[in-house]
Amino acid sequence: MIDLIKALNVAETAAVAAGDWLKTNQSKVKIVKHKDYVDIQTDADLKAESLIINQISKVFPSHNILSEEGGLIDHQSEYTWIIDPLDGTVAYQKGHSDYLVLIALENSQEILTGAVYSPSLKNLYSGSKLTASKKNHQPVKVSQTKTLNQSVITIKLPNLNSSPPDKVLALSALRKLLDKFYRVRSSTLDALNICLVAQGVIEAFCLIGDFGPKWWDIAPSLIIAQESGAKISDRFGKPIKNHNLSHGIVVTNGLIHDQLLNILNH
């Protein structure tokens, strides 16, 4: 059995180390390549990835590592670290504060630990199967709000590359949510929004369709939300399995979950 306390400490330490390096060196960032006409890879992505992998490998040298930038390092282990060394690269390269470092550990059955770090705000969210979810080492819990007209929800909106059906689906959902929720917001940092559900700042986050995110964009935040009391499903109320996000994702405080699903599916 793996020592989850040690694993969580590695995730937290690596996330903060990489994040603080990113913050210090933001003004020096250079584009390495264009992934498409907007999305980019920078030298900062690669440096942060290297810092994280080095820290993990010192403590867990036999574990697999799956990173957005470098792909899979396969040691045939039952444990795999999931890394997004710089979530929000475009914003980071433009000097904006909206970027994160994301690290999770999972086995074939479930996510075991997660760390989500915002270098600009110096906010560290973390959690594991054995520990309470925390923000800056202080326990967090989901909101106890039970009614939609007192609830705040963040919805992920499609982008230019999203399919026409997904755009129609998301905009239809947005229209219905505006009639039911106290406030509806949109933000690009999915992991942070899920952590805000865990913290009780908002009551729900949803993505309706198959237009992202990737598994490394949200895996760390899912365990943090789960261990804070959140309920997690796809848009049809089914568990998310095998990293499959094609049916979207819905994360709530649990108390409004069924109400939200009913709106999204009718």
Protein backbone atom coordinates (compact mmCIF):
# COMPACT_ATOMS: atom_id res chain seq x y z
CA MET A 1 0.00 0.00 0.00
CA ILE A 2 1.19 3.46 -0.85
CA ASP A 3 1.66 6.05 1.88
CA LEU A 4 -0.96 8.59 0.84
CA ILE A 5 0.20 11.17 3.38
CA LYS A 6 3.65 11.09 1.81
CA ALA A 7 2.14 11.21 -1.67
CA LEU A 8 0.00 14.21 -0.78
CA ASN A 9 3.00 16.00 0.66
CA VAL A 10 4.92 15.39 -2.56
CA ALA A 11 2.02 16.73 -4.62
CA GLU A 12 1.72 19.85 -2.47
CA THR A 13 5.46 20.51 -2.33
CA ALA A 14 5.96 20.01 -6.06
CA ALA A 15 2.96 22.17 -6.98
CA VAL A 16 4.13 25.07 -4.83
CA ALA A 17 7.75 24.81 -5.99
CA ALA A 18 6.78 24.81 -9.66
CA GLY A 19 4.16 27.50 -9.16
CA ASP A 20 6.46 29.85 -7.33
CA TRP A 21 9.06 29.39 -10.06
CA LEU A 22 6.42 30.25 -12.65
CA LYS A 23 5.41 33.39 -10.82
CA THR A 24 9.01 34.58 -10.43
CA ASN A 25 9.83 33.97 -14.08
CA GLN A 26 6.58 35.03 -15.76
CA SER A 27 8.10 38.10 -17.41
CA LYS A 28 10.80 35.95 -19.05
CA VAL A 29 8.54 33.40 -20.72
CA LYS A 30 9.26 32.37 -24.32
CA ILE A 31 7.02 30.49 -26.74
CA VAL A 32 8.50 27.15 -27.81
CA LYS A 33 5.78 26.10 -30.27
CA HIS A 34 2.20 26.72 -31.31
CA LYS A 35 -0.15 23.79 -30.71
CA ASP A 36 -2.78 25.52 -32.84
CA TYR A 37 -3.43 29.13 -33.83
CA VAL A 38 -4.04 30.13 -30.19
CA ASP A 39 -2.80 27.37 -27.87
CA ILE A 40 0.94 27.42 -27.18
CA GLN A 41 3.72 25.64 -25.36
CA THR A 42 6.33 27.75 -23.57
CA ASP A 43 9.69 27.15 -21.98
CA ALA A 44 7.91 27.76 -18.66
CA ASP A 45 5.61 24.77 -19.25
CA LEU A 46 8.65 22.58 -19.77
CA LYS A 47 10.60 23.93 -16.80
CA ALA A 48 7.64 23.55 -14.42
CA GLU A 49 7.07 20.03 -15.72
CA SER A 50 10.72 19.17 -15.12
CA LEU A 51 10.62 20.52 -11.56
CA ILE A 52 7.53 18.46 -10.75
CA ILE A 53 8.76 15.23 -12.33
CA ASN A 54 12.10 15.50 -10.54
CA GLN A 55 10.41 15.89 -7.15
CA ILE A 56 8.03 12.98 -7.75
CA SER A 57 10.79 10.72 -9.08
CA LYS A 58 12.97 11.30 -6.02
CA VAL A 59 10.29 9.85 -3.73
CA PHE A 60 8.37 7.51 -6.06
CA PRO A 61 10.84 6.49 -8.79
CA SER A 62 8.80 3.47 -9.90
CA HIS A 63 5.54 5.35 -10.51
CA ASN A 64 4.17 6.22 -13.94
CA ILE A 65 3.86 9.90 -14.85
CA LEU A 66 1.36 11.32 -17.34
CA SER A 67 1.97 14.98 -18.15
CA GLU A 68 0.28 17.30 -20.63
CA GLU A 69 3.59 18.34 -22.12
CA GLY A 70 5.66 15.14 -22.03
CA GLY A 71 3.07 12.40 -22.36
CA LEU A 72 3.38 9.10 -20.49
CA ILE A 73 6.45 7.87 -18.65
CA ASP A 74 5.47 4.22 -18.23
CA HIS A 75 7.14 2.16 -15.50
CA GLN A 76 4.37 -0.45 -15.51
CA SER A 77 3.32 0.73 -12.06
CA GLU A 78 -0.18 0.51 -10.62
CA TYR A 79 0.19 4.20 -9.71
CA THR A 80 0.22 7.11 -12.14
CA TRP A 81 0.86 10.79 -11.46
CA ILE A 82 -1.25 13.16 -13.57
CA ILE A 83 0.39 16.55 -14.21
CA ASP A 84 -0.55 19.81 -15.84
CA PRO A 85 2.48 21.95 -15.00
CA LEU A 86 0.90 25.16 -16.28
CA ASP A 87 -2.86 25.28 -16.75
CA GLY A 88 -3.61 28.57 -18.48
CA THR A 89 -0.49 28.94 -20.58
CA VAL A 90 -1.92 31.59 -22.91
CA ALA A 91 -2.98 33.78 -19.99
CA TYR A 92 0.37 33.23 -18.29
CA GLN A 93 2.32 34.20 -21.42
CA LYS A 94 0.29 37.42 -21.66
CA GLY A 95 1.10 38.35 -18.07
CA HIS A 96 -2.30 37.48 -16.58
CA SER A 97 -2.74 35.99 -13.10
CA ASP A 98 -5.15 33.19 -14.11
CA TYR A 99 -2.98 30.10 -14.22
CA LEU A 100 -2.56 26.98 -12.07
CA VAL A 101 -0.29 24.05 -11.32
CA LEU A 102 -2.18 20.74 -11.17
CA ILE A 103 -0.94 17.41 -9.76
CA ALA A 104 -2.84 14.21 -8.96
CA LEU A 105 -2.03 10.60 -8.15
CA GLU A 106 -4.32 7.77 -9.21
CA ASN A 107 -4.45 4.02 -9.56
CA SER A 108 -6.64 2.03 -11.93
CA GLN A 109 -9.69 2.47 -9.72
CA GLU A 110 -9.65 6.05 -8.47
CA ILE A 111 -7.87 9.33 -7.86
CA LEU A 112 -5.94 9.13 -4.60
CA THR A 113 -4.47 12.59 -4.02
CA GLY A 114 -4.64 16.01 -5.61
CA ALA A 115 -3.08 19.45 -5.38
CA VAL A 116 -4.23 22.61 -7.14
CA TYR A 117 -2.02 25.67 -6.71
CA SER A 118 -2.65 29.26 -7.79
CA PRO A 119 0.76 30.98 -7.70
CA SER A 120 -0.69 34.46 -8.14
CA LEU A 121 -2.94 34.13 -5.11
CA LYS A 122 -0.69 31.69 -3.23
CA ASN A 123 -3.73 29.47 -2.69
CA LEU A 124 -3.08 25.75 -2.37
CA TYR A 125 -6.03 23.35 -2.48
CA SER A 126 -5.27 19.75 -1.64
CA GLY A 127 -6.88 16.52 -0.56
CA SER A 128 -6.62 12.74 -0.54
CA LYS A 129 -8.58 9.60 0.24
CA LEU A 130 -7.24 9.72 3.79
CA THR A 131 -7.36 13.42 4.59
CA ALA A 132 -9.88 16.23 4.68
CA SER A 133 -9.75 18.62 1.75
CA LYS A 134 -7.97 21.84 2.56
CA LYS A 135 -7.20 25.31 1.31
CA ASN A 136 -3.83 26.49 2.58
CA HIS A 137 -3.93 23.62 5.09
CA GLN A 138 -7.29 24.69 6.55
CA PRO A 139 -10.23 22.27 6.10
CA VAL A 140 -12.92 23.16 3.58
CA LYS A 141 -16.47 21.87 3.11
CA VAL A 142 -19.13 22.30 0.46
CA SER A 143 -21.94 24.83 0.82
CA GLN A 144 -25.14 23.81 2.60
CA THR A 145 -27.36 25.83 0.28
CA LYS A 146 -30.35 23.78 -0.88
CA THR A 147 -32.21 26.09 -3.25
CA LEU A 148 -31.22 27.13 -6.75
CA ASN A 149 -32.34 30.72 -6.37
CA GLN A 150 -29.72 31.15 -3.64
CA SER A 151 -27.02 29.23 -5.51
CA VAL A 152 -24.10 30.31 -7.69
CA ILE A 153 -22.98 28.13 -10.60
CA THR A 154 -20.06 28.34 -12.98
CA ILE A 155 -20.55 26.92 -16.47
CA LYS A 156 -17.87 26.07 -19.01
CA LEU A 157 -18.68 27.65 -22.37
CA PRO A 158 -17.61 26.33 -25.80
CA ASN A 159 -14.87 27.92 -27.87
CA LEU A 160 -14.39 28.45 -31.60
CA ASN A 161 -13.31 24.84 -32.19
CA SER A 162 -16.32 23.30 -30.40
CA SER A 163 -18.81 21.45 -32.55
CA PRO A 164 -22.05 23.20 -33.56
CA PRO A 165 -24.16 20.68 -31.56
CA ASP A 166 -22.09 21.30 -28.43
CA LYS A 167 -22.49 25.06 -28.86
CA VAL A 168 -26.25 24.71 -29.14
CA LEU A 169 -26.35 22.38 -26.13
CA ALA A 170 -24.27 24.68 -23.94
CA LEU A 171 -26.16 27.84 -24.88
CA SER A 172 -29.49 26.11 -24.27
CA ALA A 173 -28.27 25.03 -20.83
CA LEU A 174 -27.04 28.53 -20.09
CA ARG A 175 -30.45 30.00 -20.90
CA LYS A 176 -32.20 27.57 -18.53
CA LEU A 177 -29.67 28.11 -15.74
CA LEU A 178 -30.10 31.89 -15.94
CA ASP A 179 -33.79 31.40 -15.08
CA LYS A 180 -33.11 29.26 -12.02
CA PHE A 181 -29.84 30.23 -10.34
CA TYR A 182 -29.10 33.35 -8.32
CA ARG A 183 -25.95 33.89 -10.36
CA VAL A 184 -24.35 32.15 -13.36
CA ARG A 185 -20.67 32.67 -14.10
CA SER A 186 -18.15 31.49 -16.68
CA SER A 187 -14.45 30.87 -16.20
CA THR A 188 -11.70 29.02 -18.06
CA LEU A 189 -9.94 27.47 -15.05
CA ASP A 190 -12.04 24.36 -14.51
CA ALA A 191 -9.95 22.97 -11.66
CA LEU A 192 -10.24 26.21 -9.71
CA ASN A 193 -14.01 26.29 -10.18
CA ILE A 194 -14.30 22.74 -8.89
CA CYS A 195 -12.16 23.72 -5.89
CA LEU A 196 -14.51 26.64 -5.25
CA VAL A 197 -17.35 24.13 -5.02
CA ALA A 198 -15.23 22.17 -2.53
CA GLN A 199 -14.64 25.35 -0.53
CA GLY A 200 -18.33 26.27 -0.46
CA VAL A 201 -17.79 29.53 -2.37
CA ILE A 202 -20.07 28.38 -5.19
CA GLU A 203 -22.65 25.62 -5.26
CA ALA A 204 -21.97 24.05 -8.66
CA PHE A 205 -19.79 23.75 -11.73
CA CYS A 206 -20.91 22.17 -14.98
CA LEU A 207 -19.66 21.45 -18.45
CA ILE A 208 -22.33 20.29 -20.88
CA GLY A 209 -20.83 18.65 -23.94
CA ASP A 210 -17.64 17.21 -25.35
CA PHE A 211 -15.36 20.24 -25.70
CA GLY A 212 -12.75 19.70 -23.00
CA PRO A 213 -11.19 19.69 -20.50
CA LYS A 214 -8.53 16.99 -20.62
CA TRP A 215 -8.13 14.64 -17.68
CA TRP A 216 -5.05 16.47 -16.34
CA ASP A 217 -7.07 19.71 -16.29
CA ILE A 218 -9.45 18.47 -13.61
CA ALA A 219 -8.20 15.24 -11.96
CA PRO A 220 -6.59 16.93 -8.91
CA SER A 221 -9.67 19.02 -8.21
CA LEU A 222 -12.03 16.04 -8.35
CA ILE A 223 -10.54 14.31 -5.31
CA ILE A 224 -10.49 17.64 -3.46
CA ALA A 225 -14.18 18.17 -4.22
CA GLN A 226 -15.12 14.60 -3.42
CA GLU A 227 -13.47 14.62 -0.01
CA SER A 228 -15.10 17.96 0.86
CA GLY A 229 -18.56 16.45 0.37
CA ALA A 230 -19.23 17.30 -3.27
CA LYS A 231 -21.19 15.10 -5.65
CA ILE A 232 -19.67 14.43 -9.07
CA SER A 233 -21.26 12.95 -12.20
CA ASP A 234 -21.60 13.42 -15.91
CA ARG A 235 -24.54 15.46 -17.24
CA PHE A 236 -26.77 12.37 -17.09
CA GLY A 237 -25.96 11.61 -13.46
CA LYS A 238 -23.63 8.71 -14.27
CA PRO A 239 -20.21 8.22 -12.65
CA ILE A 240 -17.22 9.39 -14.66
CA LYS A 241 -15.15 6.35 -15.62
CA ASN A 242 -11.95 5.71 -17.54
CA HIS A 243 -11.17 9.42 -17.88
CA ASN A 244 -14.20 9.77 -20.16
CA LEU A 245 -15.48 13.35 -20.15
CA SER A 246 -17.47 13.12 -23.39
CA HIS A 247 -20.76 13.53 -21.52
CA GLY A 248 -19.55 16.56 -19.62
CA ILE A 249 -19.13 16.92 -15.90
CA VAL A 250 -21.33 18.21 -13.08
CA VAL A 251 -19.91 18.99 -9.63
CA THR A 252 -22.19 20.29 -6.88
CA ASN A 253 -22.55 20.52 -3.14
CA GLY A 254 -24.76 17.44 -3.42
CA LEU A 255 -27.85 19.22 -2.14
CA ILE A 256 -28.75 20.72 -5.51
CA HIS A 257 -27.34 17.98 -7.73
CA ASP A 258 -30.61 16.34 -8.75
CA GLN A 259 -32.25 19.71 -9.34
CA LEU A 260 -29.41 20.75 -11.62
CA LEU A 261 -29.46 17.50 -13.57
CA ASN A 262 -33.19 17.84 -14.06
CA ILE A 263 -32.69 21.29 -15.61
CA LEU A 264 -29.88 20.13 -17.87
CA ASN A 265 -31.76 17.12 -19.20
CA HIS A 266 -35.24 18.57 -19.81
